[in-house]
C-alpha atoms as a PDB file:
ATOM      1  CA  UNK A   1      28.976   8.349 -25.185  1.00  0.00           C
ATOM      2  CA  UNK A   2      30.143   8.172 -21.532  1.00  0.00           C
ATOM      3  CA  UNK A   3      27.308  10.401 -20.337  1.00  0.00           C
ATOM      4  CA  UNK A   4      24.681   8.242 -22.094  1.00  0.00           C
ATOM      5  CA  UNK A   5      26.175   5.092 -20.699  1.00  0.00           C
ATOM      6  CA  UNK A   6      26.221   6.464 -17.134  1.00  0.00           C
ATOM      7  CA  UNK A   7      22.566   7.618 -17.633  1.00  0.00           C
ATOM      8  CA  UNK A   8      21.548   4.064 -18.582  1.00  0.00           C
ATOM      9  CA  UNK A   9      23.404   2.596 -15.580  1.00  0.00           C
ATOM     10  CA  UNK A  10      21.819   5.018 -13.136  1.00  0.00           C
ATOM     11  CA  UNK A  11      18.297   4.343 -14.416  1.00  0.00           C
ATOM     12  CA  UNK A  12      17.627   7.871 -15.649  1.00  0.00           C
ATOM     13  CA  UNK A  13      15.635   8.304 -18.859  1.00  0.00           C
ATOM     14  CA  UNK A  14      16.836  10.843 -21.353  1.00  0.00           C
ATOM     15  CA  UNK A  15      14.088  12.474 -23.371  1.00  0.00           C
ATOM     16  CA  UNK A  16      15.205  14.606 -26.320  1.00  0.00           C
ATOM     17  CA  UNK A  17      13.197  17.844 -26.572  1.00  0.00           C
ATOM     18  CA  UNK A  18      13.495  20.155 -29.505  1.00  0.00           C
ATOM     19  CA  UNK A  19      13.435  23.815 -28.482  1.00  0.00           C
ATOM     20  CA  UNK A  20      12.980  26.464 -31.110  1.00  0.00           C
ATOM     21  CA  UNK A  21      14.415  29.848 -30.450  1.00  0.00           C
ATOM     22  CA  UNK A  22      13.108  32.798 -32.480  1.00  0.00           C
ATOM     23  CA  UNK A  23      15.497  35.457 -33.626  1.00  0.00           C
ATOM     24  CA  UNK A  24      14.751  39.153 -33.669  1.00  0.00           C
ATOM     25  CA  UNK A  25      14.898  39.086 -37.473  1.00  0.00           C
ATOM     26  CA  UNK A  26      11.939  36.744 -37.541  1.00  0.00           C
ATOM     27  CA  UNK A  27      13.926  33.849 -39.008  1.00  0.00           C
ATOM     28  CA  UNK A  28      13.562  30.661 -37.045  1.00  0.00           C
ATOM     29  CA  UNK A  29      16.848  29.321 -35.710  1.00  0.00           C
ATOM     30  CA  UNK A  30      17.892  25.712 -35.935  1.00  0.00           C
ATOM     31  CA  UNK A  31      16.267  23.385 -33.400  1.00  0.00           C
ATOM     32  CA  UNK A  32      18.491  22.936 -30.427  1.00  0.00           C
ATOM     33  CA  UNK A  33      18.165  19.402 -28.842  1.00  0.00           C
ATOM     34  CA  UNK A  34      18.061  19.495 -25.094  1.00  0.00           C
ATOM     35  CA  UNK A  35      17.940  16.625 -22.614  1.00  0.00           C
ATOM     36  CA  UNK A  36      15.517  16.330 -19.774  1.00  0.00           C
ATOM     37  CA  UNK A  37      16.300  13.731 -17.109  1.00  0.00           C
ATOM     38  CA  UNK A  38      13.645  12.181 -15.019  1.00  0.00           C
ATOM     39  CA  UNK A  39      14.672  11.564 -11.422  1.00  0.00           C
ATOM     40  CA  UNK A  40      15.168   8.025 -10.114  1.00  0.00           C
ATOM     41  CA  UNK A  41      11.661   6.769  -9.370  1.00  0.00           C
ATOM     42  CA  UNK A  42      10.774   3.214  -8.357  1.00  0.00           C
ATOM     43  CA  UNK A  43       8.815   1.342 -11.038  1.00  0.00           C
ATOM     44  CA  UNK A  44       5.126   0.784 -10.309  1.00  0.00           C
ATOM     45  CA  UNK A  45       5.792  -2.968  -9.822  1.00  0.00           C
ATOM     46  CA  UNK A  46       8.136  -2.269  -6.936  1.00  0.00           C
ATOM     47  CA  UNK A  47       5.499  -0.241  -5.073  1.00  0.00           C
ATOM     48  CA  UNK A  48       2.888  -2.904  -5.694  1.00  0.00           C
ATOM     49  CA  UNK A  49       5.157  -5.682  -4.354  1.00  0.00           C
ATOM     50  CA  UNK A  50       6.101  -3.560  -1.344  1.00  0.00           C
ATOM     51  CA  UNK A  51       2.414  -3.227  -0.558  1.00  0.00           C
ATOM     52  CA  UNK A  52       1.955  -6.966  -0.918  1.00  0.00           C
ATOM     53  CA  UNK A  53       4.863  -7.495   1.489  1.00  0.00           C
ATOM     54  CA  UNK A  54       3.277  -5.252   4.113  1.00  0.00           C
ATOM     55  CA  UNK A  55      -0.024  -7.060   3.863  1.00  0.00           C
ATOM     56  CA  UNK A  56       1.909 -10.334   4.098  1.00  0.00           C
ATOM     57  CA  UNK A  57       3.606  -9.269   7.281  1.00  0.00           C
ATOM     58  CA  UNK A  58       0.331  -8.117   8.922  1.00  0.00           C
ATOM     59  CA  UNK A  59      -1.523 -11.364   8.023  1.00  0.00           C
ATOM     60  CA  UNK A  60       1.465 -13.399   9.232  1.00  0.00           C
ATOM     61  CA  UNK A  61       1.202 -11.774  12.640  1.00  0.00           C
ATOM     62  CA  UNK A  62      -2.507 -12.541  12.807  1.00  0.00           C
ATOM     63  CA  UNK A  63      -1.822 -16.144  11.814  1.00  0.00           C
ATOM     64  CA  UNK A  64       0.758 -16.403  14.627  1.00  0.00           C
ATOM     65  CA  UNK A  65      -1.833 -15.218  17.123  1.00  0.00           C
ATOM     66  CA  UNK A  66      -4.459 -17.604  15.804  1.00  0.00           C
ATOM     67  CA  UNK A  67      -2.253 -20.725  15.909  1.00  0.00           C
ATOM     68  CA  UNK A  68      -0.793 -19.810  19.255  1.00  0.00           C
ATOM     69  CA  UNK A  69      -4.226 -19.264  20.722  1.00  0.00           C
ATOM     70  CA  UNK A  70      -5.552 -22.537  19.333  1.00  0.00           C
ATOM     71  CA  UNK A  71      -2.596 -24.502  20.629  1.00  0.00           C
ATOM     72  CA  UNK A  72      -2.712 -22.816  24.052  1.00  0.00           C
ATOM     73  CA  UNK A  73      -6.494 -23.367  24.515  1.00  0.00           C
ATOM     74  CA  UNK A  74      -6.278 -26.987  23.435  1.00  0.00           C
ATOM     75  CA  UNK A  75      -3.269 -27.693  25.685  1.00  0.00           C
ATOM     76  CA  UNK A  76      -5.009 -26.339  28.732  1.00  0.00           C
ATOM     77  CA  UNK A  77      -8.361 -27.966  28.237  1.00  0.00           C
ATOM     78  CA  UNK A  78      -9.421 -30.444  30.899  1.00  0.00           C
ATOM     79  CA  UNK A  79     -12.540 -31.047  32.962  1.00  0.00           C
ATOM     80  CA  UNK A  80     -13.431 -33.411  35.817  1.00  0.00           C
ATOM     81  CA  UNK A  81     -16.970 -34.628  36.520  1.00  0.00           C
ATOM     82  CA  UNK A  82     -17.809 -35.877  40.041  1.00  0.00           C
ATOM     83  CA  UNK A  83     -19.662 -39.185  40.139  1.00  0.00           C
ATOM     84  CA  UNK A  84     -21.261 -40.257  43.406  1.00  0.00           C
ATOM     85  CA  UNK A  85     -18.348 -39.028  45.494  1.00  0.00           C
ATOM     86  CA  UNK A  86     -15.576 -36.576  44.976  1.00  0.00           C
ATOM     87  CA  UNK A  87     -13.043 -39.472  45.022  1.00  0.00           C
ATOM     88  CA  UNK A  88     -14.556 -41.106  41.933  1.00  0.00           C
ATOM     89  CA  UNK A  89     -14.538 -38.766  38.954  1.00  0.00           C
ATOM     90  CA  UNK A  90     -14.783 -38.784  35.187  1.00  0.00           C
ATOM     91  CA  UNK A  91     -12.117 -36.757  33.489  1.00  0.00           C
ATOM     92  CA  UNK A  92     -11.818 -35.451  29.972  1.00  0.00           C
ATOM     93  CA  UNK A  93      -8.511 -34.031  28.745  1.00  0.00           C
ATOM     94  CA  UNK A  94      -7.169 -33.208  25.345  1.00  0.00           C
ATOM     95  CA  UNK A  95      -4.436 -35.882  25.627  1.00  0.00           C
ATOM     96  CA  UNK A  96      -7.128 -38.525  25.989  1.00  0.00           C
ATOM     97  CA  UNK A  97      -7.732 -38.098  22.235  1.00  0.00           C
ATOM     98  CA  UNK A  98      -4.777 -38.693  19.888  1.00  0.00           C
ATOM     99  CA  UNK A  99      -6.467 -36.407  17.347  1.00  0.00           C
ATOM    100  CA  UNK A 100      -6.384 -33.491  19.790  1.00  0.00           C
ATOM    101  CA  UNK A 101      -2.753 -34.231  20.528  1.00  0.00           C
ATOM    102  CA  UNK A 102      -2.023 -34.031  16.811  1.00  0.00           C
ATOM    103  CA  UNK A 103      -3.981 -30.846  16.671  1.00  0.00           C
ATOM    104  CA  UNK A 104      -1.857 -29.296  19.380  1.00  0.00           C
ATOM    105  CA  UNK A 105       1.414 -30.402  17.736  1.00  0.00           C
ATOM    106  CA  UNK A 106       0.364 -29.236  14.233  1.00  0.00           C
ATOM    107  CA  UNK A 107      -0.660 -25.776  15.401  1.00  0.00           C
ATOM    108  CA  UNK A 108       2.455 -25.402  17.539  1.00  0.00           C
ATOM    109  CA  UNK A 109       4.710 -26.309  14.543  1.00  0.00           C
ATOM    110  CA  UNK A 110       2.828 -23.859  12.317  1.00  0.00           C
ATOM    111  CA  UNK A 111       3.135 -21.089  14.896  1.00  0.00           C
ATOM    112  CA  UNK A 112       6.866 -21.700  15.277  1.00  0.00           C
ATOM    113  CA  UNK A 113       7.353 -21.562  11.505  1.00  0.00           C
ATOM    114  CA  UNK A 114       5.346 -18.382  11.189  1.00  0.00           C
ATOM    115  CA  UNK A 115       7.508 -16.703  13.837  1.00  0.00           C
ATOM    116  CA  UNK A 116      10.673 -17.743  12.000  1.00  0.00           C
ATOM    117  CA  UNK A 117       9.246 -16.504   8.644  1.00  0.00           C
ATOM    118  CA  UNK A 118       8.704 -12.940   9.861  1.00  0.00           C
ATOM    119  CA  UNK A 119      12.320 -11.859   9.018  1.00  0.00           C
ATOM    120  CA  UNK A 120      11.873 -13.191   5.466  1.00  0.00           C
ATOM    121  CA  UNK A 121       8.637 -11.253   5.137  1.00  0.00           C
ATOM    122  CA  UNK A 122      10.470  -8.066   6.204  1.00  0.00           C
ATOM    123  CA  UNK A 123      13.176  -8.745   3.621  1.00  0.00           C
ATOM    124  CA  UNK A 124      10.452  -8.908   0.924  1.00  0.00           C
ATOM    125  CA  UNK A 125       9.303  -5.449   2.060  1.00  0.00           C
ATOM    126  CA  UNK A 126      12.741  -3.923   1.990  1.00  0.00           C
ATOM    127  CA  UNK A 127      13.717  -5.568  -1.282  1.00  0.00           C
ATOM    128  CA  UNK A 128      10.440  -6.081  -3.199  1.00  0.00           C
ATOM    129  CA  UNK A 129      12.122  -7.576  -6.286  1.00  0.00           C
ATOM    130  CA  UNK A 130      13.824 -10.456  -4.394  1.00  0.00           C
ATOM    131  CA  UNK A 131      12.740 -13.903  -5.573  1.00  0.00           C
ATOM    132  CA  UNK A 132      14.516 -16.373  -3.275  1.00  0.00           C
ATOM    133  CA  UNK A 133      12.881 -15.285  -0.036  1.00  0.00           C
ATOM    134  CA  UNK A 134       9.429 -15.019  -1.661  1.00  0.00           C
ATOM    135  CA  UNK A 135       9.810 -18.489  -3.095  1.00  0.00           C
ATOM    136  CA  UNK A 136      10.760 -19.950   0.311  1.00  0.00           C
ATOM    137  CA  UNK A 137       7.745 -18.290   1.864  1.00  0.00           C
ATOM    138  CA  UNK A 138       5.494 -19.653  -0.886  1.00  0.00           C
ATOM    139  CA  UNK A 139       6.733 -23.249  -0.379  1.00  0.00           C
ATOM    140  CA  UNK A 140       6.732 -23.353   3.360  1.00  0.00           C
ATOM    141  CA  UNK A 141       3.397 -21.492   3.624  1.00  0.00           C
ATOM    142  CA  UNK A 142       1.902 -24.205   1.466  1.00  0.00           C
ATOM    143  CA  UNK A 143       3.290 -26.924   3.757  1.00  0.00           C
ATOM    144  CA  UNK A 144       2.065 -25.052   6.829  1.00  0.00           C
ATOM    145  CA  UNK A 145      -1.355 -24.699   5.267  1.00  0.00           C
ATOM    146  CA  UNK A 146      -1.572 -28.475   4.636  1.00  0.00           C
ATOM    147  CA  UNK A 147      -0.510 -29.252   8.212  1.00  0.00           C
ATOM    148  CA  UNK A 148      -2.892 -26.728   9.771  1.00  0.00           C
ATOM    149  CA  UNK A 149      -5.853 -27.830   7.655  1.00  0.00           C
ATOM    150  CA  UNK A 150      -5.222 -31.527   8.401  1.00  0.00           C
ATOM    151  CA  UNK A 151      -5.050 -30.873  12.126  1.00  0.00           C
ATOM    152  CA  UNK A 152      -8.109 -28.643  12.213  1.00  0.00           C
ATOM    153  CA  UNK A 153     -10.188 -31.033  10.063  1.00  0.00           C
ATOM    154  CA  UNK A 154      -9.335 -34.048  12.155  1.00  0.00           C
ATOM    155  CA  UNK A 155     -10.104 -32.232  15.399  1.00  0.00           C
ATOM    156  CA  UNK A 156     -13.349 -30.877  13.904  1.00  0.00           C
ATOM    157  CA  UNK A 157     -14.527 -34.478  13.239  1.00  0.00           C
ATOM    158  CA  UNK A 158     -13.966 -35.414  16.906  1.00  0.00           C
ATOM    159  CA  UNK A 159     -15.704 -32.235  18.102  1.00  0.00           C
ATOM    160  CA  UNK A 160     -18.678 -33.040  15.938  1.00  0.00           C
ATOM    161  CA  UNK A 161     -18.932 -36.518  17.457  1.00  0.00           C
ATOM    162  CA  UNK A 162     -18.585 -35.039  20.922  1.00  0.00           C
ATOM    163  CA  UNK A 163     -21.439 -32.660  20.322  1.00  0.00           C
ATOM    164  CA  UNK A 164     -23.814 -34.914  18.462  1.00  0.00           C
ATOM    165  CA  UNK A 165     -22.619 -38.509  19.107  1.00  0.00           C
ATOM    166  CA  UNK A 166     -23.216 -41.410  16.723  1.00  0.00           C
ATOM    167  CA  UNK A 167     -26.210 -43.660  17.538  1.00  0.00           C
ATOM    168  CA  UNK A 168     -25.145 -46.268  14.966  1.00  0.00           C
ATOM    169  CA  UNK A 169     -21.880 -46.948  16.874  1.00  0.00           C
ATOM    170  CA  UNK A 170     -23.302 -46.192  20.384  1.00  0.00           C
ATOM    171  CA  UNK A 171     -21.091 -43.126  20.625  1.00  0.00           C
ATOM    172  CA  UNK A 172     -22.641 -40.878  23.248  1.00  0.00           C
ATOM    173  CA  UNK A 173     -22.688 -37.091  23.000  1.00  0.00           C
ATOM    174  CA  UNK A 174     -20.039 -36.216  25.551  1.00  0.00           C
ATOM    175  CA  UNK A 175     -20.770 -32.510  25.518  1.00  0.00           C
ATOM    176  CA  UNK A 176     -24.002 -33.048  27.398  1.00  0.00           C
ATOM    177  CA  UNK A 177     -21.941 -33.824  30.479  1.00  0.00           C
ATOM    178  CA  UNK A 178     -18.648 -32.012  29.735  1.00  0.00           C
ATOM    179  CA  UNK A 179     -20.134 -28.573  29.230  1.00  0.00           C
ATOM    180  CA  UNK A 180     -16.773 -26.770  29.737  1.00  0.00           C
ATOM    181  CA  UNK A 181     -14.506 -29.110  27.788  1.00  0.00           C
ATOM    182  CA  UNK A 182     -16.421 -29.016  24.524  1.00  0.00           C
ATOM    183  CA  UNK A 183     -16.699 -25.169  24.120  1.00  0.00           C
ATOM    184  CA  UNK A 184     -12.966 -24.847  24.657  1.00  0.00           C
ATOM    185  CA  UNK A 185     -11.949 -27.419  22.109  1.00  0.00           C
ATOM    186  CA  UNK A 186     -14.526 -26.013  19.675  1.00  0.00           C
ATOM    187  CA  UNK A 187     -13.019 -22.542  20.078  1.00  0.00           C
ATOM    188  CA  UNK A 188      -9.539 -23.947  19.423  1.00  0.00           C
ATOM    189  CA  UNK A 189     -10.693 -25.582  16.238  1.00  0.00           C
ATOM    190  CA  UNK A 190     -12.271 -22.354  15.018  1.00  0.00           C
ATOM    191  CA  UNK A 191      -9.034 -20.529  15.651  1.00  0.00           C
ATOM    192  CA  UNK A 192      -7.068 -23.124  13.708  1.00  0.00           C
ATOM    193  CA  UNK A 193      -9.385 -22.847  10.714  1.00  0.00           C
ATOM    194  CA  UNK A 194      -8.971 -19.079  10.849  1.00  0.00           C
ATOM    195  CA  UNK A 195      -5.217 -19.545  10.710  1.00  0.00           C
ATOM    196  CA  UNK A 196      -5.669 -21.901   7.746  1.00  0.00           C
ATOM    197  CA  UNK A 197      -7.736 -19.274   5.914  1.00  0.00           C
ATOM    198  CA  UNK A 198      -4.986 -16.654   6.486  1.00  0.00           C
ATOM    199  CA  UNK A 199      -2.403 -19.088   5.140  1.00  0.00           C
ATOM    200  CA  UNK A 200      -4.471 -19.491   1.996  1.00  0.00           C
ATOM    201  CA  UNK A 201      -4.378 -15.736   1.520  1.00  0.00           C
ATOM    202  CA  UNK A 202      -0.591 -15.683   2.154  1.00  0.00           C
ATOM    203  CA  UNK A 203      -0.029 -18.406  -0.453  1.00  0.00           C
ATOM    204  CA  UNK A 204      -2.141 -16.456  -3.001  1.00  0.00           C
ATOM    205  CA  UNK A 205      -0.275 -13.220  -2.317  1.00  0.00           C
ATOM    206  CA  UNK A 206       3.127 -14.948  -2.739  1.00  0.00           C
ATOM    207  CA  UNK A 207       2.018 -16.555  -5.979  1.00  0.00           C
ATOM    208  CA  UNK A 208       0.831 -13.158  -7.288  1.00  0.00           C
ATOM    209  CA  UNK A 209       4.081 -11.504  -6.302  1.00  0.00           C
ATOM    210  CA  UNK A 210       6.163 -14.217  -8.048  1.00  0.00           C
ATOM    211  CA  UNK A 211       3.944 -13.969 -11.124  1.00  0.00           C
ATOM    212  CA  UNK A 212       4.811 -10.274 -11.561  1.00  0.00           C
ATOM    213  CA  UNK A 213       8.594 -10.957 -11.590  1.00  0.00           C
END
């Protein structure tokens, strides 16, 4: 009774095997039950969740790079255009547009969150059956996705107007003059959308891992 109880607690599986021993006289002896113990092996779900955790960590690092790059490019974007003399200039800077300021803040907040979430992602690799850390990542990844998508979408609308203008409202196409400003802000917006796409994948992975619990 004690041995079976200890076997259940240790996770071993006892498989009864009947072994028939033949006697020299030709009479079959009584079946002797033997016990074969399988070694402690992680269940298949644990290996699958550990793989999900590794993918989660790699994608999280890529998302950090994407949001950091988008925020850095936007925050350093500025261009001056000389007009008549060098003392009278037109200037375009990201902080001239409140939308771009919101874009910078949103990507910076998402980047900071992703850096803080890396230890939780590592915990999900070491302990694949943990639920609390995975649930926190799922919730905050969703919030970060909403913030990043809102910032990227708002900035994309301004970039579209800067490239094409709007004749109905007499909005000129600024990118015809500011040929350095527009490509930089456009690249920052692309990087932010890439980060949003990675966050979508992270949310789906967390949901799949929680579903298997």
